[in-house]
Amino acid sequence: MRKSFSKKPPTIFGPKVPAGCGRAQNHGTAAPGGKSWGSSNGDPEWTAMEKASETRLKRVRELMRDKQARDTTGLFPAEGLKIVRDMAAKGHALDFVIVSSGFLRDIGNKSFLHDLGKRGIPLFETGNKNFERMSSLQHSQGILAVAKKPHVPELAGAGDKGALLVLCDGIQDPGNLGAIVRTSIAFGADSILLTGENVDVYNPKVVRASSGMILDIPLYRCNTAALDYLRNEGYRLLVSRPRQRNSKDVTELKGYSGPLSILAFGSEGKGVSREISAKADVFFHIPVHAGVESLNVTAAAAISLYLFAR
């Protein structure tokens, strides 16, 4: 029987820095069970690492596949060198980092880990096969961070949500949701609204598809009452759907918007729900050739946001 999560987060994910992680003071002597390295120019500062325990590896595997584990611990995994590097550079709270033994063969990788260690971020190593068992990628880069999961609040009451909001309604494909988040940031959206049964925003594939940018834009859970509130505050709701008689060409969209706008995109199979569509101020479509009903929601969002941002 699979071990269930208690309400109290596991102690291995706590803020305490394990012995040997961070800056070592022994100029080359690794922590017990760990390894260390120094810079090639004789820098006396060293970074020590510990072997990741099987308990820690098991917990990370659970975070990778189980939303309940992520919700209970308040943590989520982020995989890939660029994503981990960007998250660290932006100051996001990294609980710890695990790398494969193969990752340590590159001197540039060691330099990056050395910088993390100096900042007090716990560092752990595991064998290549163990890392592959944790990874969600076919070709892993050998580095994974576990980070603190920001709370996604319910949208309620006054407050500046920004001029352009993107509403994602019931999007289940993690790659699509992550790509929409990344695209929204690229074209200047201020916040993301989540309605319906969307995939978990901290699913590893969402994090990967967003290139880690899921942490770089405010996220709000939104129900129909909150949507009514926004519309009463002056937001116009612009809903994407396949071409119909009363829908506007996407190239005309900006003329039907206002200073405060919400662009809504729906699930791959069903589109925007009836409950949300019933509140639309404008429907819009992207013209396509005959025989093609509609575009993938990621492509539709990219085209719409690009044209809207011009």
C-alpha atoms as a PDB file:
ATOM      1  CA  MET A   1       0.000   0.000   0.000  1.00  0.00           C
ATOM      2  CA  ARG A   2       1.318   3.404  -0.939  1.00  0.00           C
ATOM      3  CA  LYS A   3       2.285   5.554   2.023  1.00  0.00           C
ATOM      4  CA  SER A   4      -0.072   8.499   2.365  1.00  0.00           C
ATOM      5  CA  PHE A   5       1.017  12.037   3.160  1.00  0.00           C
ATOM      6  CA  SER A   6       0.198  13.483   6.530  1.00  0.00           C
ATOM      7  CA  LYS A   7      -0.808  17.119   6.912  1.00  0.00           C
ATOM      8  CA  LYS A   8       2.627  17.863   8.387  1.00  0.00           C
ATOM      9  CA  PRO A   9       5.269  18.135   5.644  1.00  0.00           C
ATOM     10  CA  PRO A  10       8.037  15.519   5.746  1.00  0.00           C
ATOM     11  CA  THR A  11      11.055  16.673   7.714  1.00  0.00           C
ATOM     12  CA  ILE A  12      13.414  15.966   4.842  1.00  0.00           C
ATOM     13  CA  PHE A  13      11.913  18.928   3.027  1.00  0.00           C
ATOM     14  CA  GLY A  14      12.361  21.345   5.907  1.00  0.00           C
ATOM     15  CA  PRO A  15      14.468  24.495   5.791  1.00  0.00           C
ATOM     16  CA  LYS A  16      17.348  23.034   7.802  1.00  0.00           C
ATOM     17  CA  VAL A  17      20.528  22.791   5.741  1.00  0.00           C
ATOM     18  CA  PRO A  18      22.055  19.315   6.063  1.00  0.00           C
ATOM     19  CA  ALA A  19      25.638  19.043   7.272  1.00  0.00           C
ATOM     20  CA  GLY A  20      28.104  19.388   4.445  1.00  0.00           C
ATOM     21  CA  CYS A  21      25.811  21.504   2.252  1.00  0.00           C
ATOM     22  CA  GLY A  22      26.671  25.086   1.522  1.00  0.00           C
ATOM     23  CA  ARG A  23      30.185  26.467   2.032  1.00  0.00           C
ATOM     24  CA  ALA A  24      32.616  23.973   3.525  1.00  0.00           C
ATOM     25  CA  GLN A  25      35.276  25.326   5.845  1.00  0.00           C
ATOM     26  CA  ASN A  26      37.784  22.501   5.550  1.00  0.00           C
ATOM     27  CA  HIS A  27      39.295  23.520   2.198  1.00  0.00           C
ATOM     28  CA  GLY A  28      38.754  20.244   0.413  1.00  0.00           C
ATOM     29  CA  THR A  29      37.612  17.649   2.886  1.00  0.00           C
ATOM     30  CA  ALA A  30      34.134  16.571   1.906  1.00  0.00           C
ATOM     31  CA  ALA A  31      31.302  16.016   4.317  1.00  0.00           C
ATOM     32  CA  PRO A  32      30.873  12.365   5.339  1.00  0.00           C
ATOM     33  CA  GLY A  33      29.478  10.451   2.409  1.00  0.00           C
ATOM     34  CA  GLY A  34      29.830  13.483   0.164  1.00  0.00           C
ATOM     35  CA  LYS A  35      32.287  14.986  -2.292  1.00  0.00           C
ATOM     36  CA  SER A  36      33.806  18.413  -2.762  1.00  0.00           C
ATOM     37  CA  TRP A  37      35.640  20.427  -5.353  1.00  0.00           C
ATOM     38  CA  GLY A  38      37.463  23.721  -5.628  1.00  0.00           C
ATOM     39  CA  SER A  39      38.043  26.218  -8.413  1.00  0.00           C
ATOM     40  CA  SER A  40      40.943  25.750 -10.794  1.00  0.00           C
ATOM     41  CA  ASN A  41      42.504  29.079  -9.772  1.00  0.00           C
ATOM     42  CA  GLY A  42      43.194  27.934  -6.231  1.00  0.00           C
ATOM     43  CA  ASP A  43      40.157  29.531  -4.625  1.00  0.00           C
ATOM     44  CA  PRO A  44      40.116  28.123  -1.064  1.00  0.00           C
ATOM     45  CA  GLU A  45      36.317  27.975  -1.033  1.00  0.00           C
ATOM     46  CA  TRP A  46      34.825  24.547  -1.650  1.00  0.00           C
ATOM     47  CA  THR A  47      31.361  23.161  -2.068  1.00  0.00           C
ATOM     48  CA  ALA A  48      30.481  19.886  -0.367  1.00  0.00           C
ATOM     49  CA  MET A  49      27.689  17.531  -1.398  1.00  0.00           C
ATOM     50  CA  GLU A  50      25.937  14.624   0.250  1.00  0.00           C
ATOM     51  CA  LYS A  51      24.628  11.468  -1.310  1.00  0.00           C
ATOM     52  CA  ALA A  52      20.853  11.677  -1.624  1.00  0.00           C
ATOM     53  CA  SER A  53      19.209   9.111   0.636  1.00  0.00           C
ATOM     54  CA  GLU A  54      16.679   6.646  -0.746  1.00  0.00           C
ATOM     55  CA  THR A  55      14.018   8.326   1.399  1.00  0.00           C
ATOM     56  CA  ARG A  56      14.748  11.673  -0.230  1.00  0.00           C
ATOM     57  CA  LEU A  57      14.733  10.166  -3.723  1.00  0.00           C
ATOM     58  CA  LYS A  58      11.412   8.467  -3.027  1.00  0.00           C
ATOM     59  CA  ARG A  59       9.835  11.719  -1.857  1.00  0.00           C
ATOM     60  CA  VAL A  60      11.050  13.520  -4.972  1.00  0.00           C
ATOM     61  CA  ARG A  61       9.545  10.794  -7.158  1.00  0.00           C
ATOM     62  CA  GLU A  62       6.243  11.335  -5.351  1.00  0.00           C
ATOM     63  CA  LEU A  63       6.444  15.086  -5.960  1.00  0.00           C
ATOM     64  CA  MET A  64       7.037  14.396  -9.638  1.00  0.00           C
ATOM     65  CA  ARG A  65       3.911  12.293 -10.101  1.00  0.00           C
ATOM     66  CA  ASP A  66       1.459  13.162  -7.316  1.00  0.00           C
ATOM     67  CA  LYS A  67      -0.479  16.431  -6.929  1.00  0.00           C
ATOM     68  CA  GLN A  68      -1.439  15.452  -3.372  1.00  0.00           C
ATOM     69  CA  ALA A  69       2.240  15.217  -2.448  1.00  0.00           C
ATOM     70  CA  ARG A  70       2.882  18.675  -3.872  1.00  0.00           C
ATOM     71  CA  ASP A  71      -0.134  20.147  -2.083  1.00  0.00           C
ATOM     72  CA  THR A  72       0.705  18.510   1.251  1.00  0.00           C
ATOM     73  CA  THR A  73       4.369  19.502   1.325  1.00  0.00           C
ATOM     74  CA  GLY A  74       3.982  22.882  -0.367  1.00  0.00           C
ATOM     75  CA  LEU A  75       6.837  21.927  -2.702  1.00  0.00           C
ATOM     76  CA  PHE A  76       7.215  21.145  -6.389  1.00  0.00           C
ATOM     77  CA  PRO A  77      10.027  19.831  -8.631  1.00  0.00           C
ATOM     78  CA  ALA A  78      11.597  21.803 -11.483  1.00  0.00           C
ATOM     79  CA  GLU A  79      13.892  19.936 -13.855  1.00  0.00           C
ATOM     80  CA  GLY A  80      16.535  21.106 -16.315  1.00  0.00           C
ATOM     81  CA  LEU A  81      19.638  23.292 -16.100  1.00  0.00           C
ATOM     82  CA  LYS A  82      18.150  26.429 -17.673  1.00  0.00           C
ATOM     83  CA  ILE A  83      15.042  26.290 -15.490  1.00  0.00           C
ATOM     84  CA  VAL A  84      16.999  25.746 -12.266  1.00  0.00           C
ATOM     85  CA  ARG A  85      19.533  28.421 -13.226  1.00  0.00           C
ATOM     86  CA  ASP A  86      16.780  30.947 -14.031  1.00  0.00           C
ATOM     87  CA  MET A  87      14.866  30.188 -10.843  1.00  0.00           C
ATOM     88  CA  ALA A  88      18.012  30.669  -8.774  1.00  0.00           C
ATOM     89  CA  ALA A  89      18.880  33.919 -10.579  1.00  0.00           C
ATOM     90  CA  LYS A  90      15.385  35.302  -9.934  1.00  0.00           C
ATOM     91  CA  GLY A  91      15.631  34.510  -6.238  1.00  0.00           C
ATOM     92  CA  HIS A  92      12.921  31.852  -6.078  1.00  0.00           C
ATOM     93  CA  ALA A  93      13.041  29.753  -2.906  1.00  0.00           C
ATOM     94  CA  LEU A  94      14.877  26.514  -3.700  1.00  0.00           C
ATOM     95  CA  ASP A  95      14.555  23.930  -0.939  1.00  0.00           C
ATOM     96  CA  PHE A  96      17.354  21.767  -2.328  1.00  0.00           C
ATOM     97  CA  VAL A  97      18.958  20.617  -5.588  1.00  0.00           C
ATOM     98  CA  ILE A  98      19.751  17.056  -6.705  1.00  0.00           C
ATOM     99  CA  VAL A  99      22.168  16.268  -9.539  1.00  0.00           C
ATOM    100  CA  SER A 100      23.316  13.086 -11.224  1.00  0.00           C
ATOM    101  CA  SER A 101      26.905  11.908 -11.076  1.00  0.00           C
ATOM    102  CA  GLY A 102      27.118  12.556 -14.824  1.00  0.00           C
ATOM    103  CA  PHE A 103      26.155  16.201 -14.316  1.00  0.00           C
ATOM    104  CA  LEU A 104      29.295  16.708 -12.216  1.00  0.00           C
ATOM    105  CA  ARG A 105      31.621  15.865 -15.094  1.00  0.00           C
ATOM    106  CA  ASP A 106      31.171  19.348 -16.590  1.00  0.00           C
ATOM    107  CA  ILE A 107      33.298  22.082 -14.981  1.00  0.00           C
ATOM    108  CA  GLY A 108      30.677  24.706 -15.836  1.00  0.00           C
ATOM    109  CA  ASN A 109      28.043  22.709 -13.980  1.00  0.00           C
ATOM    110  CA  LYS A 110      30.330  22.469 -10.961  1.00  0.00           C
ATOM    111  CA  SER A 111      30.790  26.235 -10.984  1.00  0.00           C
ATOM    112  CA  PHE A 112      27.020  26.754 -10.941  1.00  0.00           C
ATOM    113  CA  LEU A 113      26.599  24.323  -8.038  1.00  0.00           C
ATOM    114  CA  HIS A 114      29.445  26.047  -6.207  1.00  0.00           C
ATOM    115  CA  ASP A 115      27.484  29.308  -6.445  1.00  0.00           C
ATOM    116  CA  LEU A 116      24.335  27.619  -5.130  1.00  0.00           C
ATOM    117  CA  GLY A 117      26.267  26.103  -2.250  1.00  0.00           C
ATOM    118  CA  LYS A 118      27.674  29.491  -1.236  1.00  0.00           C
ATOM    119  CA  ARG A 119      24.069  30.719  -0.975  1.00  0.00           C
ATOM    120  CA  GLY A 120      23.254  27.946   1.483  1.00  0.00           C
ATOM    121  CA  ILE A 121      21.124  25.840  -0.874  1.00  0.00           C
ATOM    122  CA  PRO A 122      21.458  22.153   0.098  1.00  0.00           C
ATOM    123  CA  LEU A 123      23.031  20.064  -2.688  1.00  0.00           C
ATOM    124  CA  PHE A 124      22.714  16.317  -3.194  1.00  0.00           C
ATOM    125  CA  GLU A 125      24.141  13.822  -5.663  1.00  0.00           C
ATOM    126  CA  THR A 126      22.777  10.509  -6.873  1.00  0.00           C
ATOM    127  CA  GLY A 127      23.767   7.978  -9.516  1.00  0.00           C
ATOM    128  CA  ASN A 128      22.689   8.382 -13.123  1.00  0.00           C
ATOM    129  CA  LYS A 129      20.203   5.502 -12.962  1.00  0.00           C
ATOM    130  CA  ASN A 130      18.614   6.798  -9.774  1.00  0.00           C
ATOM    131  CA  PHE A 131      18.229  10.215 -11.365  1.00  0.00           C
ATOM    132  CA  GLU A 132      16.623   8.743 -14.480  1.00  0.00           C
ATOM    133  CA  ARG A 133      14.053   7.034 -12.249  1.00  0.00           C
ATOM    134  CA  MET A 134      13.042  10.457 -10.898  1.00  0.00           C
ATOM    135  CA  SER A 135      13.139  12.324 -14.181  1.00  0.00           C
ATOM    136  CA  SER A 136      10.060  13.084 -16.290  1.00  0.00           C
ATOM    137  CA  LEU A 137      12.235  13.609 -19.378  1.00  0.00           C
ATOM    138  CA  GLN A 138      13.331  11.102 -21.980  1.00  0.00           C
ATOM    139  CA  HIS A 139      16.791  12.684 -22.055  1.00  0.00           C
ATOM    140  CA  SER A 140      17.467  14.143 -18.637  1.00  0.00           C
ATOM    141  CA  GLN A 141      20.044  16.887 -18.078  1.00  0.00           C
ATOM    142  CA  GLY A 142      20.840  15.527 -14.631  1.00  0.00           C
ATOM    143  CA  ILE A 143      19.692  18.421 -12.444  1.00  0.00           C
ATOM    144  CA  LEU A 144      16.477  18.943 -10.514  1.00  0.00           C
ATOM    145  CA  ALA A 145      15.451  21.527  -7.934  1.00  0.00           C
ATOM    146  CA  VAL A 146      12.700  21.198  -5.356  1.00  0.00           C
ATOM    147  CA  ALA A 147      11.184  24.624  -4.758  1.00  0.00           C
ATOM    148  CA  LYS A 148       8.580  26.152  -2.488  1.00  0.00           C
ATOM    149  CA  LYS A 149       5.159  26.269  -4.147  1.00  0.00           C
ATOM    150  CA  PRO A 150       3.501  29.697  -4.038  1.00  0.00           C
ATOM    151  CA  HIS A 151      -0.148  29.650  -3.027  1.00  0.00           C
ATOM    152  CA  VAL A 152      -2.631  30.240  -5.853  1.00  0.00           C
ATOM    153  CA  PRO A 153      -5.350  32.389  -4.248  1.00  0.00           C
ATOM    154  CA  GLU A 154      -8.994  32.744  -5.117  1.00  0.00           C
ATOM    155  CA  LEU A 155      -9.610  35.980  -6.964  1.00  0.00           C
ATOM    156  CA  ALA A 156     -11.703  38.159  -4.686  1.00  0.00           C
ATOM    157  CA  GLY A 157     -12.134  41.826  -3.829  1.00  0.00           C
ATOM    158  CA  ALA A 158     -10.305  44.895  -4.988  1.00  0.00           C
ATOM    159  CA  GLY A 159      -6.706  44.998  -6.088  1.00  0.00           C
ATOM    160  CA  ASP A 160      -4.730  45.706  -9.224  1.00  0.00           C
ATOM    161  CA  LYS A 161      -4.832  42.588 -11.403  1.00  0.00           C
ATOM    162  CA  GLY A 162      -3.445  44.426 -14.444  1.00  0.00           C
ATOM    163  CA  ALA A 163      -4.869  45.596 -17.753  1.00  0.00           C
ATOM    164  CA  LEU A 164      -4.617  42.289 -19.650  1.00  0.00           C
ATOM    165  CA  LEU A 165      -5.669  39.012 -18.053  1.00  0.00           C
ATOM    166  CA  VAL A 166      -5.536  35.580 -19.691  1.00  0.00           C
ATOM    167  CA  LEU A 167      -8.232  33.119 -18.631  1.00  0.00           C
ATOM    168  CA  CYS A 168      -7.510  29.387 -18.966  1.00  0.00           C
ATOM    169  CA  ASP A 169     -10.692  27.343 -18.695  1.00  0.00           C
ATOM    170  CA  GLY A 170     -10.404  23.611 -18.065  1.00  0.00           C
ATOM    171  CA  ILE A 171      -7.084  23.082 -19.864  1.00  0.00           C
ATOM    172  CA  GLN A 172      -5.973  19.553 -19.018  1.00  0.00           C
ATOM    173  CA  ASP A 173      -2.877  19.131 -21.151  1.00  0.00           C
ATOM    174  CA  PRO A 174       0.140  20.233 -19.063  1.00  0.00           C
ATOM    175  CA  GLY A 175       2.207  21.147 -22.103  1.00  0.00           C
ATOM    176  CA  ASN A 176      -0.538  23.431 -23.368  1.00  0.00           C
ATOM    177  CA  LEU A 177      -1.068  25.179 -20.028  1.00  0.00           C
ATOM    178  CA  GLY A 178       2.652  25.744 -19.526  1.00  0.00           C
ATOM    179  CA  ALA A 179       3.082  27.096 -23.052  1.00  0.00           C
ATOM    180  CA  ILE A 180       0.141  29.499 -22.604  1.00  0.00           C
ATOM    181  CA  VAL A 181       1.704  30.840 -19.401  1.00  0.00           C
ATOM    182  CA  ARG A 182       5.017  31.416 -21.180  1.00  0.00           C
ATOM    183  CA  THR A 183       3.292  33.021 -24.186  1.00  0.00           C
ATOM    184  CA  SER A 184       1.193  35.246 -21.930  1.00  0.00           C
ATOM    185  CA  ILE A 185       4.311  36.617 -20.259  1.00  0.00           C
ATOM    186  CA  ALA A 186       6.024  37.097 -23.632  1.00  0.00           C
ATOM    187  CA  PHE A 187       3.184  39.307 -24.888  1.00  0.00           C
ATOM    188  CA  GLY A 188       2.680  41.364 -21.763  1.00  0.00           C
ATOM    189  CA  ALA A 189      -0.217  39.732 -19.912  1.00  0.00           C
ATOM    190  CA  ASP A 190      -0.440  40.813 -16.281  1.00  0.00           C
ATOM    191  CA  SER A 191      -2.170  37.826 -14.620  1.00  0.00           C
ATOM    192  CA  ILE A 192      -3.488  34.333 -15.353  1.00  0.00           C
ATOM    193  CA  LEU A 193      -7.013  33.343 -14.282  1.00  0.00           C
ATOM    194  CA  LEU A 194      -7.754  29.637 -13.798  1.00  0.00           C
ATOM    195  CA  THR A 195     -11.358  28.466 -14.173  1.00  0.00           C
ATOM    196  CA  GLY A 196     -12.799  24.969 -14.427  1.00  0.00           C
ATOM    197  CA  GLU A 197     -10.742  21.813 -14.001  1.00  0.00           C
ATOM    198  CA  ASN A 198      -7.289  22.836 -15.191  1.00  0.00           C
ATOM    199  CA  VAL A 199      -4.284  20.570 -14.764  1.00  0.00           C
ATOM    200  CA  ASP A 200      -2.207  21.336 -11.652  1.00  0.00           C
ATOM    201  CA  VAL A 201      -0.092  24.393 -12.450  1.00  0.00           C
ATOM    202  CA  TYR A 202       2.852  22.843 -10.554  1.00  0.00           C
ATOM    203  CA  ASN A 203       2.768  19.609 -12.547  1.00  0.00           C
ATOM    204  CA  PRO A 204       6.390  19.047 -13.708  1.00  0.00           C
ATOM    205  CA  LYS A 205       5.324  19.147 -17.364  1.00  0.00           C
ATOM    206  CA  VAL A 206       3.574  22.505 -16.852  1.00  0.00           C
ATOM    207  CA  VAL A 207       6.699  23.876 -15.166  1.00  0.00           C
ATOM    208  CA  ARG A 208       8.843  22.527 -17.997  1.00  0.00           C
ATOM    209  CA  ALA A 209       6.603  23.880 -20.790  1.00  0.00           C
ATOM    210  CA  SER A 210       6.535  27.302 -19.125  1.00  0.00           C
ATOM    211  CA  SER A 211      10.358  27.243 -18.906  1.00  0.00           C
ATOM    212  CA  GLY A 212       9.941  27.821 -15.178  1.00  0.00           C
ATOM    213  CA  MET A 213       7.998  31.039 -15.775  1.00  0.00           C
ATOM    214  CA  ILE A 214       4.986  29.710 -13.875  1.00  0.00           C
ATOM    215  CA  LEU A 215       6.495  31.614 -10.918  1.00  0.00           C
ATOM    216  CA  ASP A 216       6.859  34.886 -12.829  1.00  0.00           C
ATOM    217  CA  ILE A 217       3.207  35.920 -13.235  1.00  0.00           C
ATOM    218  CA  PRO A 218       0.351  36.183 -10.705  1.00  0.00           C
ATOM    219  CA  LEU A 219      -2.048  33.219 -10.819  1.00  0.00           C
ATOM    220  CA  TYR A 220      -5.621  33.344  -9.520  1.00  0.00           C
ATOM    221  CA  ARG A 221      -8.368  30.776  -9.219  1.00  0.00           C
ATOM    222  CA  CYS A 222     -11.519  32.352 -10.561  1.00  0.00           C
ATOM    223  CA  ASN A 223     -15.205  31.382 -10.391  1.00  0.00           C
ATOM    224  CA  THR A 224     -18.136  32.954 -12.206  1.00  0.00           C
ATOM    225  CA  ALA A 225     -18.889  35.288  -9.288  1.00  0.00           C
ATOM    226  CA  ALA A 226     -15.328  36.648  -9.416  1.00  0.00           C
ATOM    227  CA  LEU A 227     -15.664  37.026 -13.171  1.00  0.00           C
ATOM    228  CA  ASP A 228     -18.834  39.074 -12.657  1.00  0.00           C
ATOM    229  CA  TYR A 229     -16.895  41.248 -10.221  1.00  0.00           C
ATOM    230  CA  LEU A 230     -14.177  41.897 -12.802  1.00  0.00           C
ATOM    231  CA  ARG A 231     -16.712  42.782 -15.469  1.00  0.00           C
ATOM    232  CA  ASN A 232     -18.382  45.203 -13.069  1.00  0.00           C
ATOM    233  CA  GLU A 233     -14.947  46.772 -12.575  1.00  0.00           C
ATOM    234  CA  GLY A 234     -14.757  47.470 -16.313  1.00  0.00           C
ATOM    235  CA  TYR A 235     -13.070  44.385 -17.770  1.00  0.00           C
ATOM    236  CA  ARG A 236     -14.345  43.150 -21.144  1.00  0.00           C
ATOM    237  CA  LEU A 237     -14.438  39.375 -21.573  1.00  0.00           C
ATOM    238  CA  LEU A 238     -13.208  38.258 -25.012  1.00  0.00           C
ATOM    239  CA  VAL A 239     -13.797  34.546 -25.618  1.00  0.00           C
ATOM    240  CA  SER A 240     -12.002  32.420 -28.216  1.00  0.00           C
ATOM    241  CA  ARG A 241     -14.004  29.799 -30.121  1.00  0.00           C
ATOM    242  CA  PRO A 242     -14.249  28.265 -33.610  1.00  0.00           C
ATOM    243  CA  ARG A 243     -15.737  30.558 -36.237  1.00  0.00           C
ATOM    244  CA  GLN A 244     -19.445  31.269 -35.879  1.00  0.00           C
ATOM    245  CA  ARG A 245     -21.800  33.862 -37.310  1.00  0.00           C
ATOM    246  CA  ASN A 246     -21.491  36.368 -34.475  1.00  0.00           C
ATOM    247  CA  SER A 247     -17.761  35.983 -33.746  1.00  0.00           C
ATOM    248  CA  LYS A 248     -15.165  38.573 -34.744  1.00  0.00           C
ATOM    249  CA  ASP A 249     -12.002  37.993 -36.732  1.00  0.00           C
ATOM    250  CA  VAL A 250      -9.036  37.952 -34.349  1.00  0.00           C
ATOM    251  CA  THR A 251      -7.375  40.715 -36.386  1.00  0.00           C
ATOM    252  CA  GLU A 252     -10.250  43.014 -35.359  1.00  0.00           C
ATOM    253  CA  LEU A 253     -10.086  42.016 -31.717  1.00  0.00           C
ATOM    254  CA  LYS A 254      -8.389  45.078 -30.341  1.00  0.00           C
ATOM    255  CA  GLY A 255     -11.143  47.299 -31.696  1.00  0.00           C
ATOM    256  CA  TYR A 256     -13.679  45.454 -29.536  1.00  0.00           C
ATOM    257  CA  SER A 257     -11.583  45.429 -26.388  1.00  0.00           C
ATOM    258  CA  GLY A 258     -11.247  48.102 -23.736  1.00  0.00           C
ATOM    259  CA  PRO A 259      -8.522  49.430 -21.435  1.00  0.00           C
ATOM    260  CA  LEU A 260      -9.177  46.373 -19.223  1.00  0.00           C
ATOM    261  CA  SER A 261      -9.491  43.052 -21.061  1.00  0.00           C
ATOM    262  CA  ILE A 262      -9.712  39.317 -20.380  1.00  0.00           C
ATOM    263  CA  LEU A 263      -8.797  36.894 -23.180  1.00  0.00           C
ATOM    264  CA  ALA A 264     -10.358  33.473 -22.540  1.00  0.00           C
ATOM    265  CA  PHE A 265      -9.150  30.158 -23.972  1.00  0.00           C
ATOM    266  CA  GLY A 266     -10.758  26.787 -23.370  1.00  0.00           C
ATOM    267  CA  SER A 267      -9.909  23.107 -23.177  1.00  0.00           C
ATOM    268  CA  GLU A 268      -8.684  21.222 -26.218  1.00  0.00           C
ATOM    269  CA  GLY A 269     -11.858  19.195 -26.704  1.00  0.00           C
ATOM    270  CA  LYS A 270     -14.680  21.344 -25.357  1.00  0.00           C
ATOM    271  CA  GLY A 271     -13.478  24.921 -25.664  1.00  0.00           C
ATOM    272  CA  VAL A 272     -14.562  27.591 -23.203  1.00  0.00           C
ATOM    273  CA  SER A 273     -17.400  26.348 -20.976  1.00  0.00           C
ATOM    274  CA  ARG A 274     -20.992  27.511 -21.328  1.00  0.00           C
ATOM    275  CA  GLU A 275     -20.830  29.201 -17.927  1.00  0.00           C
ATOM    276  CA  ILE A 276     -17.926  31.401 -19.007  1.00  0.00           C
ATOM    277  CA  SER A 277     -19.188  31.885 -22.567  1.00  0.00           C
ATOM    278  CA  ALA A 278     -22.526  33.149 -21.242  1.00  0.00           C
ATOM    279  CA  LYS A 279     -20.676  36.157 -19.808  1.00  0.00           C
ATOM    280  CA  ALA A 280     -18.731  37.018 -22.976  1.00  0.00           C
ATOM    281  CA  ASP A 281     -18.733  40.578 -24.265  1.00  0.00           C
ATOM    282  CA  VAL A 282     -17.176  39.478 -27.560  1.00  0.00           C
ATOM    283  CA  PHE A 283     -16.488  36.132 -29.245  1.00  0.00           C
ATOM    284  CA  PHE A 284     -13.530  35.926 -31.600  1.00  0.00           C
ATOM    285  CA  HIS A 285     -12.056  33.333 -33.952  1.00  0.00           C
ATOM    286  CA  ILE A 286      -8.884  32.744 -35.962  1.00  0.00           C
ATOM    287  CA  PRO A 287      -9.643  32.253 -39.683  1.00  0.00           C
ATOM    288  CA  VAL A 288      -8.341  28.918 -41.005  1.00  0.00           C
ATOM    289  CA  HIS A 289      -8.696  27.018 -44.265  1.00  0.00           C
ATOM    290  CA  ALA A 290     -11.787  24.915 -44.919  1.00  0.00           C
ATOM    291  CA  GLY A 291     -11.519  21.442 -43.440  1.00  0.00           C
ATOM    292  CA  VAL A 292      -9.667  22.648 -40.341  1.00  0.00           C
ATOM    293  CA  GLU A 293     -12.114  23.352 -37.537  1.00  0.00           C
ATOM    294  CA  SER A 294      -9.731  25.085 -35.154  1.00  0.00           C
ATOM    295  CA  LEU A 295      -6.150  25.408 -33.968  1.00  0.00           C
ATOM    296  CA  ASN A 296      -4.486  23.884 -30.957  1.00  0.00           C
ATOM    297  CA  VAL A 297      -5.178  26.109 -27.939  1.00  0.00           C
ATOM    298  CA  THR A 298      -1.488  26.971 -27.588  1.00  0.00           C
ATOM    299  CA  ALA A 299      -1.302  28.226 -31.175  1.00  0.00           C
ATOM    300  CA  ALA A 300      -4.593  30.096 -30.787  1.00  0.00           C
ATOM    301  CA  ALA A 301      -3.367  31.838 -27.643  1.00  0.00           C
ATOM    302  CA  ALA A 302      -0.041  32.793 -29.241  1.00  0.00           C
ATOM    303  CA  ILE A 303      -1.674  34.309 -32.341  1.00  0.00           C
ATOM    304  CA  SER A 304      -4.337  36.123 -30.336  1.00  0.00           C
ATOM    305  CA  LEU A 305      -1.939  37.571 -27.772  1.00  0.00           C
ATOM    306  CA  TYR A 306       0.533  38.652 -30.440  1.00  0.00           C
ATOM    307  CA  LEU A 307      -2.153  40.516 -32.394  1.00  0.00           C
ATOM    308  CA  PHE A 308      -3.617  41.979 -29.214  1.00  0.00           C
ATOM    309  CA  ALA A 309      -0.231  43.243 -28.041  1.00  0.00           C
ATOM    310  CA  ARG A 310       0.677  45.055 -31.286  1.00  0.00           C
END
